[in-house]
Structures are given as structure tokens and as C-alpha cells.
Amino acid sequence: MDLQITSYNNRFKIKGTLNKLSIKTFNSHFSNIFDKMDEVLINIEEIQSIDRAGVMVLAQLHNESINKSKKLSIIGLGCKELYDHFKSEEETNTVAIPTGSIVAA
């Protein structure tokens, strides 16, 4: 299924397949989005499949929101691959400190 993006105010609903073939459509909707809006909500509940390129384009949008101090919310339970990507990124950014260690800041 092709990628379909619908919007209402700052809420976007993505339906279909987010892959390397549909990234152009995604980018045309979200290029410079944070120049126009301070908050963006993306519902991924109806994404049927996503590949590595699709995960990376969402990660790039996430990084853009951080760089521009804007708020990006991605909601929906549709994409295990996306969840796994951000979960593994979170785990690599944490540091394990042995119990009983003294830490100076």
C-alpha cells in the first residue's frame, strides 16, 4: 500500500508502507515542518510496514525537533521496528555504574 498522510492542525496520521520508495512523499510533507509549527504529533498506528530507511527518516525528524527545540510526539503501536530503534538508542546512551560507587559531577 502506498503511503498516505492526512493532517489536521499539528496532528498527522500516516497510513500504508513507510520505506525507501515512500520517503519522498514523507519528506515533502515534513520538510521544514518545525519552521511552521512548535509541536507535531504523528500517529503511526496504521503503518503496515516500515523498513530501515523509514525508521531513519523518522529518526531524522526526531533529531531535527531536538536541534530546533520543538516537540515531536510519535504515537501508535503499529511499528515494532521503530520502537526497537529508539529503545536501542536509549540503551546505548545510558551508563551502568556499579553499586557502591562514588560519582562526582
PDB file of N, CA and C in Angstrom:
ATOM      1  N   MET A   1       0.834  -1.183   0.000  1.00  0.00           N
ATOM      2  CA  MET A   1       0.000   0.000   0.000  1.00  0.00           C
ATOM      3  C   MET A   1       0.878   1.246   0.000  1.00  0.00           C
ATOM      4  N   ASP A   2       0.513   2.214  -0.809  1.00  0.00           N
ATOM      5  CA  ASP A   2       1.242   3.470  -0.851  1.00  0.00           C
ATOM      6  C   ASP A   2       1.100   4.208   0.471  1.00  0.00           C
ATOM      7  N   LEU A   3       1.989   5.169   0.674  1.00  0.00           N
ATOM      8  CA  LEU A   3       1.962   5.980   1.883  1.00  0.00           C
ATOM      9  C   LEU A   3       0.929   7.083   1.738  1.00  0.00           C
ATOM     10  N   GLN A   4       0.069   7.199   2.739  1.00  0.00           N
ATOM     11  CA  GLN A   4      -0.931   8.264   2.774  1.00  0.00           C
ATOM     12  C   GLN A   4      -0.744   9.050   4.068  1.00  0.00           C
ATOM     13  N   ILE A   5      -0.721  10.372   3.947  1.00  0.00           N
ATOM     14  CA  ILE A   5      -0.556  11.225   5.111  1.00  0.00           C
ATOM     15  C   ILE A   5      -1.720  12.204   5.145  1.00  0.00           C
ATOM     16  N   THR A   6      -2.462  12.176   6.236  1.00  0.00           N
ATOM     17  CA  THR A   6      -3.541  13.130   6.431  1.00  0.00           C
ATOM     18  C   THR A   6      -3.190  13.989   7.640  1.00  0.00           C
ATOM     19  N   SER A   7      -3.707  15.216   7.650  1.00  0.00           N
ATOM     20  CA  SER A   7      -3.370  16.098   8.757  1.00  0.00           C
ATOM     21  C   SER A   7      -4.548  16.954   9.174  1.00  0.00           C
ATOM     22  N   TYR A   8      -4.514  17.329  10.420  1.00  0.00           N
ATOM     23  CA  TYR A   8      -5.456  18.275  10.995  1.00  0.00           C
ATOM     24  C   TYR A   8      -4.684  19.071  12.032  1.00  0.00           C
ATOM     25  N   ASN A   9      -4.531  20.375  11.781  1.00  0.00           N
ATOM     26  CA  ASN A   9      -3.697  21.244  12.609  1.00  0.00           C
ATOM     27  C   ASN A   9      -2.278  20.675  12.674  1.00  0.00           C
ATOM     28  N   ASN A  10      -1.809  20.342  13.865  1.00  0.00           N
ATOM     29  CA  ASN A  10      -0.456  19.822  14.006  1.00  0.00           C
ATOM     30  C   ASN A  10      -0.430  18.305  14.198  1.00  0.00           C
ATOM     31  N   ARG A  11      -1.531  17.628  13.853  1.00  0.00           N
ATOM     32  CA  ARG A  11      -1.633  16.172  14.001  1.00  0.00           C
ATOM     33  C   ARG A  11      -1.604  15.520  12.624  1.00  0.00           C
ATOM     34  N   PHE A  12      -0.739  14.529  12.495  1.00  0.00           N
ATOM     35  CA  PHE A  12      -0.583  13.827  11.217  1.00  0.00           C
ATOM     36  C   PHE A  12      -0.843  12.340  11.428  1.00  0.00           C
ATOM     37  N   LYS A  13      -1.531  11.737  10.472  1.00  0.00           N
ATOM     38  CA  LYS A  13      -1.808  10.302  10.518  1.00  0.00           C
ATOM     39  C   LYS A  13      -1.156   9.677   9.288  1.00  0.00           C
ATOM     40  N   ILE A  14      -0.304   8.693   9.520  1.00  0.00           N
ATOM     41  CA  ILE A  14       0.407   8.026   8.437  1.00  0.00           C
ATOM     42  C   ILE A  14      -0.183   6.634   8.252  1.00  0.00           C
ATOM     43  N   LYS A  15      -0.492   6.308   7.016  1.00  0.00           N
ATOM     44  CA  LYS A  15      -1.110   5.020   6.701  1.00  0.00           C
ATOM     45  C   LYS A  15      -0.376   4.393   5.521  1.00  0.00           C
ATOM     46  N   GLY A  16      -0.133   3.094   5.595  1.00  0.00           N
ATOM     47  CA  GLY A  16       0.488   2.387   4.485  1.00  0.00           C
ATOM     48  C   GLY A  16       1.876   1.894   4.816  1.00  0.00           C
ATOM     49  N   THR A  17       2.754   2.002   3.840  1.00  0.00           N
ATOM     50  CA  THR A  17       4.122   1.496   3.957  1.00  0.00           C
ATOM     51  C   THR A  17       5.102   2.652   3.948  1.00  0.00           C
ATOM     52  N   LEU A  18       5.942   2.703   4.977  1.00  0.00           N
ATOM     53  CA  LEU A  18       6.999   3.720   5.040  1.00  0.00           C
ATOM     54  C   LEU A  18       8.317   3.007   4.747  1.00  0.00           C
ATOM     55  N   ASN A  19       8.792   3.176   3.514  1.00  0.00           N
ATOM     56  CA  ASN A  19      10.032   2.514   3.103  1.00  0.00           C
ATOM     57  C   ASN A  19      10.820   3.442   2.188  1.00  0.00           C
ATOM     58  N   LYS A  20      11.907   2.939   1.630  1.00  0.00           N
ATOM     59  CA  LYS A  20      12.763   3.791   0.802  1.00  0.00           C
ATOM     60  C   LYS A  20      12.042   4.338  -0.419  1.00  0.00           C
ATOM     61  N   LEU A  21      10.986   3.673  -0.868  1.00  0.00           N
ATOM     62  CA  LEU A  21      10.228   4.152  -2.022  1.00  0.00           C
ATOM     63  C   LEU A  21       9.250   5.272  -1.652  1.00  0.00           C
ATOM     64  N   SER A  22       8.821   5.325  -0.404  1.00  0.00           N
ATOM     65  CA  SER A  22       7.840   6.329   0.002  1.00  0.00           C
ATOM     66  C   SER A  22       8.429   7.487   0.803  1.00  0.00           C
ATOM     67  N   ILE A  23       9.742   7.479   1.003  1.00  0.00           N
ATOM     68  CA  ILE A  23      10.384   8.544   1.782  1.00  0.00           C
ATOM     69  C   ILE A  23      10.194   9.917   1.132  1.00  0.00           C
ATOM     70  N   LYS A  24      10.180   9.969  -0.189  1.00  0.00           N
ATOM     71  CA  LYS A  24       9.995  11.248  -0.886  1.00  0.00           C
ATOM     72  C   LYS A  24       8.657  11.876  -0.499  1.00  0.00           C
ATOM     73  N   THR A  25       7.613  11.063  -0.431  1.00  0.00           N
ATOM     74  CA  THR A  25       6.295  11.552  -0.014  1.00  0.00           C
ATOM     75  C   THR A  25       6.347  12.051   1.424  1.00  0.00           C
ATOM     76  N   PHE A  26       6.980  11.278   2.300  1.00  0.00           N
ATOM     77  CA  PHE A  26       7.109  11.662   3.706  1.00  0.00           C
ATOM     78  C   PHE A  26       7.845  12.991   3.831  1.00  0.00           C
ATOM     79  N   ASN A  27       8.990  13.091   3.157  1.00  0.00           N
ATOM     80  CA  ASN A  27       9.793  14.308   3.248  1.00  0.00           C
ATOM     81  C   ASN A  27       9.073  15.532   2.686  1.00  0.00           C
ATOM     82  N   SER A  28       8.254  15.354   1.655  1.00  0.00           N
ATOM     83  CA  SER A  28       7.535  16.502   1.098  1.00  0.00           C
ATOM     84  C   SER A  28       6.517  17.051   2.100  1.00  0.00           C
ATOM     85  N   HIS A  29       5.967  16.196   2.954  1.00  0.00           N
ATOM     86  CA  HIS A  29       5.027  16.658   3.974  1.00  0.00           C
ATOM     87  C   HIS A  29       5.727  17.271   5.188  1.00  0.00           C
ATOM     88  N   PHE A  30       6.911  16.758   5.513  1.00  0.00           N
ATOM     89  CA  PHE A  30       7.539  17.152   6.774  1.00  0.00           C
ATOM     90  C   PHE A  30       8.803  17.994   6.622  1.00  0.00           C
ATOM     91  N   SER A  31       9.173  18.365   5.397  1.00  0.00           N
ATOM     92  CA  SER A  31      10.356  19.213   5.253  1.00  0.00           C
ATOM     93  C   SER A  31      10.063  20.586   5.863  1.00  0.00           C
ATOM     94  N   ASN A  32      10.951  21.031   6.701  1.00  0.00           N
ATOM     95  CA  ASN A  32      10.847  22.331   7.389  1.00  0.00           C
ATOM     96  C   ASN A  32       9.571  22.468   8.211  1.00  0.00           C
ATOM     97  N   ILE A  33       9.018  21.368   8.690  1.00  0.00           N
ATOM     98  CA  ILE A  33       7.783  21.410   9.475  1.00  0.00           C
ATOM     99  C   ILE A  33       7.972  22.200  10.766  1.00  0.00           C
ATOM    100  N   PHE A  34       9.177  22.145  11.329  1.00  0.00           N
ATOM    101  CA  PHE A  34       9.411  22.827  12.598  1.00  0.00           C
ATOM    102  C   PHE A  34       9.682  24.323  12.415  1.00  0.00           C
ATOM    103  N   ASP A  35       9.763  24.779  11.179  1.00  0.00           N
ATOM    104  CA  ASP A  35       9.802  26.214  10.925  1.00  0.00           C
ATOM    105  C   ASP A  35       8.388  26.791  10.988  1.00  0.00           C
ATOM    106  N   LYS A  36       7.389  25.927  10.806  1.00  0.00           N
ATOM    107  CA  LYS A  36       5.990  26.358  10.794  1.00  0.00           C
ATOM    108  C   LYS A  36       5.270  26.046  12.105  1.00  0.00           C
ATOM    109  N   MET A  37       5.692  24.992  12.794  1.00  0.00           N
ATOM    110  CA  MET A  37       4.987  24.522  13.990  1.00  0.00           C
ATOM    111  C   MET A  37       5.962  24.284  15.130  1.00  0.00           C
ATOM    112  N   ASP A  38       5.466  24.490  16.348  1.00  0.00           N
ATOM    113  CA  ASP A  38       6.274  24.214  17.535  1.00  0.00           C
ATOM    114  C   ASP A  38       6.071  22.797  18.055  1.00  0.00           C
ATOM    115  N   GLU A  39       4.898  22.222  17.752  1.00  0.00           N
ATOM    116  CA  GLU A  39       4.573  20.868  18.195  1.00  0.00           C
ATOM    117  C   GLU A  39       3.995  20.078  17.033  1.00  0.00           C
ATOM    118  N   VAL A  40       4.454  18.843  16.893  1.00  0.00           N
ATOM    119  CA  VAL A  40       3.958  17.959  15.845  1.00  0.00           C
ATOM    120  C   VAL A  40       3.655  16.604  16.478  1.00  0.00           C
ATOM    121  N   LEU A  41       2.486  16.067  16.156  1.00  0.00           N
ATOM    122  CA  LEU A  41       2.099  14.742  16.617  1.00  0.00           C
ATOM    123  C   LEU A  41       1.892  13.863  15.389  1.00  0.00           C
ATOM    124  N   ILE A  42       2.566  12.716  15.379  1.00  0.00           N
ATOM    125  CA  ILE A  42       2.457  11.770  14.262  1.00  0.00           C
ATOM    126  C   ILE A  42       1.894  10.456  14.794  1.00  0.00           C
ATOM    127  N   ASN A  43       0.775  10.031  14.209  1.00  0.00           N
ATOM    128  CA  ASN A  43       0.154   8.763  14.575  1.00  0.00           C
ATOM    129  C   ASN A  43       0.603   7.704  13.557  1.00  0.00           C
ATOM    130  N   ILE A  44       1.292   6.679  14.041  1.00  0.00           N
ATOM    131  CA  ILE A  44       1.813   5.622  13.173  1.00  0.00           C
ATOM    132  C   ILE A  44       1.016   4.325  13.310  1.00  0.00           C
ATOM    133  N   GLU A  45      -0.147   4.401  13.938  1.00  0.00           N
ATOM    134  CA  GLU A  45      -0.962   3.216  14.195  1.00  0.00           C
ATOM    135  C   GLU A  45      -1.287   2.432  12.923  1.00  0.00           C
ATOM    136  N   GLU A  46      -1.472   3.122  11.801  1.00  0.00           N
ATOM    137  CA  GLU A  46      -1.890   2.447  10.572  1.00  0.00           C
ATOM    138  C   GLU A  46      -0.749   2.208   9.582  1.00  0.00           C
ATOM    139  N   ILE A  47       0.480   2.298  10.046  1.00  0.00           N
ATOM    140  CA  ILE A  47       1.600   1.908   9.182  1.00  0.00           C
ATOM    141  C   ILE A  47       1.629   0.385   9.148  1.00  0.00           C
ATOM    142  N   GLN A  48       1.543  -0.153   7.938  1.00  0.00           N
ATOM    143  CA  GLN A  48       1.510  -1.609   7.784  1.00  0.00           C
ATOM    144  C   GLN A  48       2.901  -2.216   7.835  1.00  0.00           C
ATOM    145  N   SER A  49       3.892  -1.489   7.292  1.00  0.00           N
ATOM    146  CA  SER A  49       5.272  -1.969   7.370  1.00  0.00           C
ATOM    147  C   SER A  49       6.217  -0.786   7.261  1.00  0.00           C
ATOM    148  N   ILE A  50       7.398  -0.994   7.797  1.00  0.00           N
ATOM    149  CA  ILE A  50       8.422   0.048   7.783  1.00  0.00           C
ATOM    150  C   ILE A  50       9.764  -0.648   7.632  1.00  0.00           C
ATOM    151  N   ASP A  51      10.641  -0.077   6.807  1.00  0.00           N
ATOM    152  CA  ASP A  51      11.976  -0.643   6.663  1.00  0.00           C
ATOM    153  C   ASP A  51      12.983   0.279   7.335  1.00  0.00           C
ATOM    154  N   ARG A  52      14.250  -0.055   7.208  1.00  0.00           N
ATOM    155  CA  ARG A  52      15.313   0.724   7.853  1.00  0.00           C
ATOM    156  C   ARG A  52      15.294   2.179   7.397  1.00  0.00           C
ATOM    157  N   ALA A  53      15.057   2.415   6.123  1.00  0.00           N
ATOM    158  CA  ALA A  53      15.015   3.790   5.607  1.00  0.00           C
ATOM    159  C   ALA A  53      13.862   4.567   6.238  1.00  0.00           C
ATOM    160  N   GLY A  54      12.725   3.899   6.455  1.00  0.00           N
ATOM    161  CA  GLY A  54      11.590   4.546   7.106  1.00  0.00           C
ATOM    162  C   GLY A  54      11.877   4.901   8.551  1.00  0.00           C
ATOM    163  N   VAL A  55      12.532   3.990   9.253  1.00  0.00           N
ATOM    164  CA  VAL A  55      12.925   4.267  10.637  1.00  0.00           C
ATOM    165  C   VAL A  55      13.895   5.438  10.676  1.00  0.00           C
ATOM    166  N   MET A  56      14.831   5.458   9.745  1.00  0.00           N
ATOM    167  CA  MET A  56      15.833   6.531   9.739  1.00  0.00           C
ATOM    168  C   MET A  56      15.221   7.897   9.436  1.00  0.00           C
ATOM    169  N   VAL A  57      14.214   7.957   8.560  1.00  0.00           N
ATOM    170  CA  VAL A  57      13.598   9.240   8.250  1.00  0.00           C
ATOM    171  C   VAL A  57      12.833   9.767   9.471  1.00  0.00           C
ATOM    172  N   LEU A  58      12.236   8.882  10.252  1.00  0.00           N
ATOM    173  CA  LEU A  58      11.583   9.316  11.494  1.00  0.00           C
ATOM    174  C   LEU A  58      12.620   9.741  12.534  1.00  0.00           C
ATOM    175  N   ALA A  59      13.741   9.037  12.583  1.00  0.00           N
ATOM    176  CA  ALA A  59      14.819   9.416  13.496  1.00  0.00           C
ATOM    177  C   ALA A  59      15.396  10.779  13.120  1.00  0.00           C
ATOM    178  N   GLN A  60      15.511  11.054  11.824  1.00  0.00           N
ATOM    179  CA  GLN A  60      15.998  12.370  11.382  1.00  0.00           C
ATOM    180  C   GLN A  60      15.027  13.472  11.780  1.00  0.00           C
ATOM    181  N   LEU A  61      13.731  13.204  11.667  1.00  0.00           N
ATOM    182  CA  LEU A  61      12.731  14.175  12.086  1.00  0.00           C
ATOM    183  C   LEU A  61      12.827  14.407  13.592  1.00  0.00           C
ATOM    184  N   HIS A  62      13.055  13.351  14.333  1.00  0.00           N
ATOM    185  CA  HIS A  62      13.253  13.448  15.783  1.00  0.00           C
ATOM    186  C   HIS A  62      14.467  14.314  16.107  1.00  0.00           C
ATOM    187  N   ASN A  63      15.569  14.086  15.411  1.00  0.00           N
ATOM    188  CA  ASN A  63      16.780  14.880  15.638  1.00  0.00           C
ATOM    189  C   ASN A  63      16.562  16.347  15.291  1.00  0.00           C
ATOM    190  N   GLU A  64      15.807  16.604  14.213  1.00  0.00           N
ATOM    191  CA  GLU A  64      15.502  17.987  13.837  1.00  0.00           C
ATOM    192  C   GLU A  64      14.696  18.678  14.932  1.00  0.00           C
ATOM    193  N   SER A  65      13.748  17.949  15.520  1.00  0.00           N
ATOM    194  CA  SER A  65      12.950  18.542  16.599  1.00  0.00           C
ATOM    195  C   SER A  65      13.824  18.899  17.798  1.00  0.00           C
ATOM    196  N   ILE A  66      14.786  18.064  18.102  1.00  0.00           N
ATOM    197  CA  ILE A  66      15.698  18.340  19.213  1.00  0.00           C
ATOM    198  C   ILE A  66      16.575  19.546  18.897  1.00  0.00           C
ATOM    199  N   ASN A  67      17.148  19.580  17.698  1.00  0.00           N
ATOM    200  CA  ASN A  67      18.027  20.681  17.303  1.00  0.00           C
ATOM    201  C   ASN A  67      17.318  22.024  17.304  1.00  0.00           C
ATOM    202  N   LYS A  68      16.018  22.017  16.976  1.00  0.00           N
ATOM    203  CA  LYS A  68      15.262  23.268  16.902  1.00  0.00           C
ATOM    204  C   LYS A  68      14.429  23.513  18.158  1.00  0.00           C
ATOM    205  N   SER A  69      14.634  22.681  19.181  1.00  0.00           N
ATOM    206  CA  SER A  69      13.903  22.782  20.453  1.00  0.00           C
ATOM    207  C   SER A  69      12.395  22.784  20.240  1.00  0.00           C
ATOM    208  N   LYS A  70      11.920  21.870  19.426  1.00  0.00           N
ATOM    209  CA  LYS A  70      10.496  21.715  19.140  1.00  0.00           C
ATOM    210  C   LYS A  70      10.030  20.383  19.706  1.00  0.00           C
ATOM    211  N   LYS A  71       8.733  20.210  19.803  1.00  0.00           N
ATOM    212  CA  LYS A  71       8.173  18.993  20.388  1.00  0.00           C
ATOM    213  C   LYS A  71       7.643  18.074  19.293  1.00  0.00           C
ATOM    214  N   LEU A  72       8.114  16.827  19.278  1.00  0.00           N
ATOM    215  CA  LEU A  72       7.644  15.806  18.348  1.00  0.00           C
ATOM    216  C   LEU A  72       7.120  14.634  19.166  1.00  0.00           C
ATOM    217  N   SER A  73       5.886  14.236  18.890  1.00  0.00           N
ATOM    218  CA  SER A  73       5.300  13.067  19.537  1.00  0.00           C
ATOM    219  C   SER A  73       4.943  12.058  18.455  1.00  0.00           C
ATOM    220  N   ILE A  74       5.389  10.828  18.648  1.00  0.00           N
ATOM    221  CA  ILE A  74       5.044   9.737  17.742  1.00  0.00           C
ATOM    222  C   ILE A  74       4.223   8.759  18.564  1.00  0.00           C
ATOM    223  N   ILE A  75       2.969   8.554  18.139  1.00  0.00           N
ATOM    224  CA  ILE A  75       2.078   7.687  18.898  1.00  0.00           C
ATOM    225  C   ILE A  75       1.608   6.527  18.026  1.00  0.00           C
ATOM    226  N   GLY A  76       1.179   5.460  18.672  1.00  0.00           N
ATOM    227  CA  GLY A  76       0.660   4.306  17.956  1.00  0.00           C
ATOM    228  C   GLY A  76       1.490   3.070  18.242  1.00  0.00           C
ATOM    229  N   LEU A  77       0.859   1.927  18.144  1.00  0.00           N
ATOM    230  CA  LEU A  77       1.532   0.663  18.439  1.00  0.00           C
ATOM    231  C   LEU A  77       1.881  -0.122  17.185  1.00  0.00           C
ATOM    232  N   GLY A  78       1.835   0.508  16.036  1.00  0.00           N
ATOM    233  CA  GLY A  78       1.952  -0.211  14.782  1.00  0.00           C
ATOM    234  C   GLY A  78       3.333  -0.677  14.385  1.00  0.00           C
ATOM    235  N   CYS A  79       4.411  -0.117  14.896  1.00  0.00           N
ATOM    236  CA  CYS A  79       5.735  -0.397  14.344  1.00  0.00           C
ATOM    237  C   CYS A  79       6.729  -0.866  15.395  1.00  0.00           C
ATOM    238  N   LYS A  80       6.912  -2.166  15.487  1.00  0.00           N
ATOM    239  CA  LYS A  80       7.895  -2.718  16.409  1.00  0.00           C
ATOM    240  C   LYS A  80       9.309  -2.284  16.023  1.00  0.00           C
ATOM    241  N   GLU A  81       9.589  -2.194  14.713  1.00  0.00           N
ATOM    242  CA  GLU A  81      10.923  -1.810  14.258  1.00  0.00           C
ATOM    243  C   GLU A  81      11.301  -0.411  14.748  1.00  0.00           C
ATOM    244  N   LEU A  82      10.342   0.504  14.729  1.00  0.00           N
ATOM    245  CA  LEU A  82      10.594   1.864  15.187  1.00  0.00           C
ATOM    246  C   LEU A  82      10.827   1.881  16.686  1.00  0.00           C
ATOM    247  N   TYR A  83      10.006   1.168  17.425  1.00  0.00           N
ATOM    248  CA  TYR A  83      10.175   1.072  18.872  1.00  0.00           C
ATOM    249  C   TYR A  83      11.550   0.499  19.209  1.00  0.00           C
ATOM    250  N   ASP A  84      11.931  -0.565  18.529  1.00  0.00           N
ATOM    251  CA  ASP A  84      13.225  -1.193  18.781  1.00  0.00           C
ATOM    252  C   ASP A  84      14.376  -0.239  18.500  1.00  0.00           C
ATOM    253  N   HIS A  85      14.262   0.577  17.443  1.00  0.00           N
ATOM    254  CA  HIS A  85      15.318   1.531  17.110  1.00  0.00           C
ATOM    255  C   HIS A  85      15.522   2.535  18.233  1.00  0.00           C
ATOM    256  N   PHE A  86      14.450   3.159  18.691  1.00  0.00           N
ATOM    257  CA  PHE A  86      14.583   4.169  19.731  1.00  0.00           C
ATOM    258  C   PHE A  86      14.926   3.550  21.074  1.00  0.00           C
ATOM    259  N   LYS A  87      14.473   2.354  21.333  1.00  0.00           N
ATOM    260  CA  LYS A  87      14.815   1.662  22.571  1.00  0.00           C
ATOM    261  C   LYS A  87      16.299   1.345  22.609  1.00  0.00           C
ATOM    262  N   SER A  88      16.874   0.861  21.492  1.00  0.00           N
ATOM    263  CA  SER A  88      18.301   0.538  21.470  1.00  0.00           C
ATOM    264  C   SER A  88      19.139   1.806  21.557  1.00  0.00           C
ATOM    265  N   GLU A  89      18.658   2.901  20.976  1.00  0.00           N
ATOM    266  CA  GLU A  89      19.375   4.177  21.075  1.00  0.00           C
ATOM    267  C   GLU A  89      19.389   4.653  22.518  1.00  0.00           C
ATOM    268  N   GLU A  90      18.282   4.475  23.222  1.00  0.00           N
ATOM    269  CA  GLU A  90      18.192   4.877  24.617  1.00  0.00           C
ATOM    270  C   GLU A  90      19.160   4.067  25.470  1.00  0.00           C
ATOM    271  N   GLU A  91      19.251   2.766  25.207  1.00  0.00           N
ATOM    272  CA  GLU A  91      20.130   1.893  25.980  1.00  0.00           C
ATOM    273  C   GLU A  91      21.602   2.227  25.755  1.00  0.00           C
ATOM    274  N   THR A  92      21.985   2.663  24.563  1.00  0.00           N
ATOM    275  CA  THR A  92      23.380   2.996  24.312  1.00  0.00           C
ATOM    276  C   THR A  92      23.762   4.334  24.920  1.00  0.00           C
ATOM    277  N   ASN A  93      22.770   5.151  25.278  1.00  0.00           N
ATOM    278  CA  ASN A  93      23.050   6.452  25.879  1.00  0.00           C
ATOM    279  C   ASN A  93      23.072   6.404  27.396  1.00  0.00           C
ATOM    280  N   THR A  94      22.908   5.212  27.990  1.00  0.00           N
ATOM    281  CA  THR A  94      22.940   5.091  29.439  1.00  0.00           C
ATOM    282  C   THR A  94      24.271   4.472  29.857  1.00  0.00           C
ATOM    283  N   VAL A  95      24.679   4.788  31.060  1.00  0.00           N
ATOM    284  CA  VAL A  95      25.933   4.277  31.590  1.00  0.00           C
ATOM    285  C   VAL A  95      25.628   3.488  32.852  1.00  0.00           C
ATOM    286  N   ALA A  96      26.139   2.289  32.939  1.00  0.00           N
ATOM    287  CA  ALA A  96      25.953   1.480  34.132  1.00  0.00           C
ATOM    288  C   ALA A  96      27.025   1.845  35.156  1.00  0.00           C
ATOM    289  N   ILE A  97      26.581   2.121  36.372  1.00  0.00           N
ATOM    290  CA  ILE A  97      27.505   2.476  37.453  1.00  0.00           C
ATOM    291  C   ILE A  97      27.391   1.380  38.507  1.00  0.00           C
ATOM    292  N   PRO A  98      28.519   0.749  38.841  1.00  0.00           N
ATOM    293  CA  PRO A  98      28.482  -0.323  39.824  1.00  0.00           C
ATOM    294  C   PRO A  98      27.941   0.170  41.166  1.00  0.00           C
ATOM    295  N   THR A  99      27.240  -0.704  41.863  1.00  0.00           N
ATOM    296  CA  THR A  99      26.674  -0.369  43.170  1.00  0.00           C
ATOM    297  C   THR A  99      27.795  -0.022  44.145  1.00  0.00           C
ATOM    298  N   GLY A 100      27.590   1.016  44.938  1.00  0.00           N
ATOM    299  CA  GLY A 100      28.577   1.429  45.914  1.00  0.00           C
ATOM    300  C   GLY A 100      29.623   2.393  45.367  1.00  0.00           C
ATOM    301  N   SER A 101      29.530   2.761  44.110  1.00  0.00           N
ATOM    302  CA  SER A 101      30.494   3.680  43.509  1.00  0.00           C
ATOM    303  C   SER A 101      30.185   5.117  43.906  1.00  0.00           C
ATOM    304  N   ILE A 102      31.210   5.915  44.026  1.00  0.00           N
ATOM    305  CA  ILE A 102      31.042   7.343  44.309  1.00  0.00           C
ATOM    306  C   ILE A 102      31.190   8.067  42.986  1.00  0.00           C
ATOM    307  N   VAL A 103      30.186   8.902  42.687  1.00  0.00           N
ATOM    308  CA  VAL A 103      30.167   9.605  41.408  1.00  0.00           C
ATOM    309  C   VAL A 103      30.223  11.097  41.700  1.00  0.00           C
ATOM    310  N   ALA A 104      31.179  11.787  41.075  1.00  0.00           N
ATOM    311  CA  ALA A 104      31.287  13.237  41.216  1.00  0.00           C
ATOM    312  C   ALA A 104      30.829  13.879  39.936  1.00  0.00           C
ATOM    313  N   ALA A 105      30.049  14.921  40.071  1.00  0.00           N
ATOM    314  CA  ALA A 105      29.553  15.617  38.869  1.00  0.00           C
ATOM    315  C   ALA A 105      30.301  16.902  38.663  1.00  0.00           C
TER     316      ALA A 105
END
